[in-house]
Amino acid sequence: MAQRQAPLNELADKGIFFVVGRQEIDYKFPAQYADILTIDTRIGEISRASIEFLNEIKNQNHKLVAKARTLLVCVDKRFKAKSVPDTLRVLLEK
């Protein structure tokens, strides 16, 4: 989200936060200690109160090491789900 200049600090100041609601990972190929890993992330579905991130992790030989899915849920300071702000939604849907 930082790469798209998402105003996360401003949202936090307004009591809007994101927590991990779900994390899935499928390991495809072993990574070794000295491997150089690259993580490519893209935005999946944006629902009313959550944002899905899809990740592919590859080694220096471009071999797929793992695929992951992270679901971030938008919450208030009491951890009650709340709508993803429209300003953030517009930035992420570009």
N, C-alpha and C. Protein backbone atom coordinates (compact mmCIF):
# COMPACT_ATOMS: atom_id res chain seq x y z
N MET A 1 0.83 -1.19 0.00
CA MET A 1 0.00 0.00 0.00
C MET A 1 0.88 1.25 0.00
N ALA A 2 2.07 1.14 0.57
CA ALA A 2 2.95 2.30 0.60
C ALA A 2 3.37 2.72 -0.80
N GLN A 3 3.56 1.76 -1.69
CA GLN A 3 3.98 2.06 -3.05
C GLN A 3 2.93 2.89 -3.78
N ARG A 4 1.69 2.73 -3.43
CA ARG A 4 0.61 3.51 -4.06
C ARG A 4 0.28 4.75 -3.25
N GLN A 5 1.15 5.08 -2.31
CA GLN A 5 1.02 6.27 -1.47
C GLN A 5 -0.28 6.28 -0.68
N ALA A 6 -0.62 5.11 -0.15
CA ALA A 6 -1.82 5.01 0.69
C ALA A 6 -1.56 5.75 2.01
N PRO A 7 -2.48 6.57 2.44
CA PRO A 7 -2.28 7.41 3.64
C PRO A 7 -2.53 6.64 4.94
N LEU A 8 -1.77 5.57 5.18
CA LEU A 8 -2.04 4.73 6.34
C LEU A 8 -1.85 5.47 7.66
N ASN A 9 -0.85 6.34 7.75
CA ASN A 9 -0.65 7.11 8.98
C ASN A 9 -1.83 8.03 9.24
N GLU A 10 -2.32 8.66 8.18
CA GLU A 10 -3.48 9.55 8.33
C GLU A 10 -4.71 8.76 8.76
N LEU A 11 -4.88 7.57 8.19
CA LEU A 11 -6.03 6.74 8.58
C LEU A 11 -5.92 6.32 10.04
N ALA A 12 -4.71 5.95 10.47
CA ALA A 12 -4.50 5.55 11.86
C ALA A 12 -4.82 6.71 12.81
N ASP A 13 -4.44 7.92 12.40
CA ASP A 13 -4.75 9.10 13.21
C ASP A 13 -6.26 9.29 13.36
N LYS A 14 -7.02 8.79 12.38
CA LYS A 14 -8.49 8.89 12.42
C LYS A 14 -9.13 7.66 13.05
N GLY A 15 -8.31 6.74 13.58
CA GLY A 15 -8.84 5.55 14.23
C GLY A 15 -9.21 4.43 13.27
N ILE A 16 -8.60 4.42 12.09
CA ILE A 16 -8.86 3.38 11.10
C ILE A 16 -7.59 2.55 10.95
N PHE A 17 -7.71 1.23 11.17
CA PHE A 17 -6.55 0.34 11.16
C PHE A 17 -6.85 -0.88 10.29
N PHE A 18 -5.81 -1.66 10.02
CA PHE A 18 -5.95 -2.91 9.27
C PHE A 18 -5.30 -4.04 10.06
N VAL A 19 -6.01 -5.14 10.19
CA VAL A 19 -5.49 -6.32 10.88
C VAL A 19 -5.58 -7.51 9.93
N VAL A 20 -4.71 -8.49 10.15
CA VAL A 20 -4.74 -9.69 9.33
C VAL A 20 -5.91 -10.55 9.78
N GLY A 21 -6.84 -10.77 8.86
CA GLY A 21 -8.01 -11.60 9.15
C GLY A 21 -7.80 -13.03 8.70
N ARG A 22 -6.92 -13.21 7.72
CA ARG A 22 -6.66 -14.56 7.20
C ARG A 22 -5.33 -14.54 6.47
N GLN A 23 -4.58 -15.63 6.62
CA GLN A 23 -3.32 -15.80 5.91
C GLN A 23 -3.25 -17.23 5.40
N GLU A 24 -3.04 -17.36 4.10
CA GLU A 24 -2.88 -18.69 3.49
C GLU A 24 -1.58 -18.71 2.74
N ILE A 25 -0.89 -19.85 2.77
CA ILE A 25 0.34 -19.98 1.98
C ILE A 25 0.46 -21.40 1.47
N ASP A 26 0.79 -21.51 0.20
CA ASP A 26 1.03 -22.81 -0.43
C ASP A 26 2.50 -22.85 -0.82
N TYR A 27 3.23 -23.78 -0.21
CA TYR A 27 4.65 -23.93 -0.52
C TYR A 27 4.78 -24.81 -1.75
N LYS A 28 5.54 -24.33 -2.73
CA LYS A 28 5.67 -25.02 -4.01
C LYS A 28 7.04 -25.64 -4.22
N PHE A 29 8.09 -25.03 -3.65
CA PHE A 29 9.46 -25.46 -3.89
C PHE A 29 10.30 -24.99 -2.71
N PRO A 30 11.23 -25.80 -2.24
CA PRO A 30 12.02 -25.39 -1.06
C PRO A 30 12.91 -24.18 -1.34
N ALA A 31 12.95 -23.27 -0.41
CA ALA A 31 13.89 -22.15 -0.45
C ALA A 31 15.09 -22.54 0.42
N GLN A 32 16.26 -22.19 -0.05
CA GLN A 32 17.48 -22.48 0.69
C GLN A 32 17.95 -21.23 1.42
N TYR A 33 18.80 -21.40 2.41
CA TYR A 33 19.25 -20.28 3.24
C TYR A 33 19.83 -19.14 2.42
N ALA A 34 20.63 -19.42 1.44
CA ALA A 34 21.32 -18.37 0.67
C ALA A 34 20.50 -17.86 -0.52
N ASP A 35 19.30 -18.38 -0.74
CA ASP A 35 18.48 -17.93 -1.86
C ASP A 35 18.14 -16.45 -1.72
N ILE A 36 18.04 -15.80 -2.86
CA ILE A 36 17.54 -14.43 -2.91
C ILE A 36 16.10 -14.52 -3.39
N LEU A 37 15.18 -14.10 -2.55
CA LEU A 37 13.76 -14.24 -2.84
C LEU A 37 13.16 -12.90 -3.27
N THR A 38 12.27 -12.98 -4.23
CA THR A 38 11.52 -11.83 -4.70
C THR A 38 10.05 -12.07 -4.40
N ILE A 39 9.39 -11.07 -3.85
CA ILE A 39 7.96 -11.18 -3.55
C ILE A 39 7.20 -10.20 -4.43
N ASP A 40 6.36 -10.73 -5.29
CA ASP A 40 5.50 -9.90 -6.13
C ASP A 40 4.12 -9.88 -5.50
N THR A 41 3.61 -8.69 -5.25
CA THR A 41 2.31 -8.54 -4.59
C THR A 41 1.37 -7.77 -5.49
N ARG A 42 0.13 -8.25 -5.54
CA ARG A 42 -0.90 -7.51 -6.26
C ARG A 42 -2.16 -7.50 -5.41
N ILE A 43 -3.01 -6.55 -5.70
CA ILE A 43 -4.28 -6.43 -4.98
C ILE A 43 -5.28 -7.37 -5.63
N GLY A 44 -5.96 -8.15 -4.81
CA GLY A 44 -7.03 -9.02 -5.30
C GLY A 44 -8.36 -8.29 -5.15
N GLU A 45 -9.27 -8.91 -4.46
CA GLU A 45 -10.60 -8.34 -4.27
C GLU A 45 -10.61 -7.33 -3.13
N ILE A 46 -11.33 -6.25 -3.33
CA ILE A 46 -11.57 -5.29 -2.25
C ILE A 46 -13.06 -5.35 -1.94
N SER A 47 -13.38 -5.83 -0.75
CA SER A 47 -14.79 -5.91 -0.36
C SER A 47 -15.14 -4.71 0.50
N ARG A 48 -16.29 -4.74 1.11
CA ARG A 48 -16.73 -3.61 1.93
C ARG A 48 -15.74 -3.31 3.04
N ALA A 49 -15.24 -4.36 3.74
CA ALA A 49 -14.40 -4.13 4.91
C ALA A 49 -13.05 -4.84 4.84
N SER A 50 -12.65 -5.34 3.67
CA SER A 50 -11.37 -6.04 3.60
C SER A 50 -10.68 -5.84 2.26
N ILE A 51 -9.37 -6.10 2.29
CA ILE A 51 -8.53 -6.00 1.09
C ILE A 51 -7.73 -7.29 1.00
N GLU A 52 -7.76 -7.90 -0.17
CA GLU A 52 -7.03 -9.15 -0.40
C GLU A 52 -5.71 -8.84 -1.12
N PHE A 53 -4.62 -9.38 -0.59
CA PHE A 53 -3.31 -9.27 -1.22
C PHE A 53 -2.88 -10.65 -1.69
N LEU A 54 -2.42 -10.74 -2.93
CA LEU A 54 -1.97 -12.00 -3.52
C LEU A 54 -0.47 -11.90 -3.76
N ASN A 55 0.29 -12.86 -3.24
CA ASN A 55 1.74 -12.82 -3.32
C ASN A 55 2.30 -14.04 -4.03
N GLU A 56 3.33 -13.83 -4.83
CA GLU A 56 4.11 -14.93 -5.40
C GLU A 56 5.55 -14.71 -4.97
N ILE A 57 6.15 -15.74 -4.40
CA ILE A 57 7.52 -15.67 -3.93
C ILE A 57 8.36 -16.56 -4.83
N LYS A 58 9.39 -15.96 -5.43
CA LYS A 58 10.25 -16.69 -6.37
C LYS A 58 11.70 -16.57 -5.93
N ASN A 59 12.50 -17.57 -6.30
CA ASN A 59 13.93 -17.51 -5.99
C ASN A 59 14.68 -16.81 -7.12
N GLN A 60 15.99 -16.75 -6.97
CA GLN A 60 16.82 -16.04 -7.96
C GLN A 60 16.79 -16.67 -9.34
N ASN A 61 16.33 -17.92 -9.45
CA ASN A 61 16.19 -18.60 -10.74
C ASN A 61 14.77 -18.48 -11.29
N HIS A 62 13.96 -17.63 -10.67
CA HIS A 62 12.57 -17.39 -11.05
C HIS A 62 11.68 -18.61 -10.82
N LYS A 63 12.13 -19.51 -9.96
CA LYS A 63 11.34 -20.69 -9.60
C LYS A 63 10.35 -20.28 -8.52
N LEU A 64 9.07 -20.63 -8.72
CA LEU A 64 8.03 -20.31 -7.74
C LEU A 64 8.25 -21.10 -6.47
N VAL A 65 8.48 -20.39 -5.38
CA VAL A 65 8.73 -21.00 -4.07
C VAL A 65 7.41 -21.13 -3.29
N ALA A 66 6.58 -20.10 -3.36
CA ALA A 66 5.32 -20.12 -2.61
C ALA A 66 4.34 -19.11 -3.20
N LYS A 67 3.07 -19.40 -2.96
CA LYS A 67 1.98 -18.46 -3.29
C LYS A 67 1.25 -18.19 -1.98
N ALA A 68 0.90 -16.94 -1.76
CA ALA A 68 0.23 -16.59 -0.51
C ALA A 68 -0.94 -15.66 -0.76
N ARG A 69 -1.86 -15.68 0.18
CA ARG A 69 -3.04 -14.80 0.15
C ARG A 69 -3.21 -14.25 1.55
N THR A 70 -3.28 -12.92 1.64
CA THR A 70 -3.48 -12.26 2.92
C THR A 70 -4.73 -11.41 2.83
N LEU A 71 -5.59 -11.53 3.80
CA LEU A 71 -6.81 -10.73 3.86
C LEU A 71 -6.66 -9.76 5.02
N LEU A 72 -6.59 -8.47 4.70
CA LEU A 72 -6.54 -7.43 5.73
C LEU A 72 -7.95 -6.89 5.94
N VAL A 73 -8.34 -6.80 7.20
CA VAL A 73 -9.67 -6.32 7.55
C VAL A 73 -9.54 -4.91 8.13
N CYS A 74 -10.37 -4.02 7.67
CA CYS A 74 -10.41 -2.65 8.15
C CYS A 74 -11.20 -2.62 9.47
N VAL A 75 -10.58 -2.05 10.51
CA VAL A 75 -11.23 -2.01 11.83
C VAL A 75 -11.07 -0.64 12.46
N ASP A 76 -11.90 -0.39 13.46
CA ASP A 76 -11.74 0.83 14.26
C ASP A 76 -10.87 0.49 15.47
N LYS A 77 -10.69 1.45 16.36
CA LYS A 77 -9.79 1.22 17.51
C LYS A 77 -10.32 0.18 18.49
N ARG A 78 -11.59 -0.19 18.39
CA ARG A 78 -12.16 -1.26 19.22
C ARG A 78 -12.13 -2.60 18.49
N PHE A 79 -11.48 -2.62 17.33
CA PHE A 79 -11.36 -3.81 16.47
C PHE A 79 -12.70 -4.27 15.90
N LYS A 80 -13.60 -3.33 15.73
CA LYS A 80 -14.88 -3.61 15.08
C LYS A 80 -14.71 -3.33 13.58
N ALA A 81 -15.15 -4.26 12.73
CA ALA A 81 -15.01 -4.09 11.29
C ALA A 81 -15.68 -2.82 10.83
N LYS A 82 -15.02 -2.14 9.88
CA LYS A 82 -15.59 -0.92 9.32
C LYS A 82 -15.26 -0.89 7.84
N SER A 83 -15.96 -0.08 7.10
CA SER A 83 -15.78 -0.01 5.65
C SER A 83 -14.39 0.52 5.28
N VAL A 84 -13.84 -0.05 4.22
CA VAL A 84 -12.59 0.47 3.67
C VAL A 84 -12.89 1.89 3.18
N PRO A 85 -12.10 2.87 3.61
CA PRO A 85 -12.37 4.25 3.18
C PRO A 85 -12.31 4.39 1.65
N ASP A 86 -13.20 5.19 1.11
CA ASP A 86 -13.25 5.40 -0.35
C ASP A 86 -11.93 5.94 -0.89
N THR A 87 -11.26 6.81 -0.13
CA THR A 87 -9.99 7.37 -0.60
C THR A 87 -8.95 6.28 -0.82
N LEU A 88 -8.92 5.30 0.08
CA LEU A 88 -7.98 4.18 -0.06
C LEU A 88 -8.42 3.26 -1.18
N ARG A 89 -9.69 2.99 -1.25
CA ARG A 89 -10.23 2.12 -2.32
C ARG A 89 -9.85 2.64 -3.70
N VAL A 90 -9.98 3.94 -3.91
CA VAL A 90 -9.64 4.55 -5.21
C VAL A 90 -8.15 4.35 -5.51
N LEU A 91 -7.29 4.55 -4.51
CA LEU A 91 -5.85 4.37 -4.72
C LEU A 91 -5.51 2.93 -5.10
N LEU A 92 -6.15 1.97 -4.43
CA LEU A 92 -5.81 0.56 -4.64
C LEU A 92 -6.42 -0.02 -5.91
N GLU A 93 -7.47 0.58 -6.40
CA GLU A 93 -8.13 0.05 -7.62
C GLU A 93 -7.49 0.58 -8.90
N LYS A 94 -6.44 1.37 -8.79
CA LYS A 94 -5.75 1.90 -9.99
C LYS A 94 -5.08 0.79 -10.75
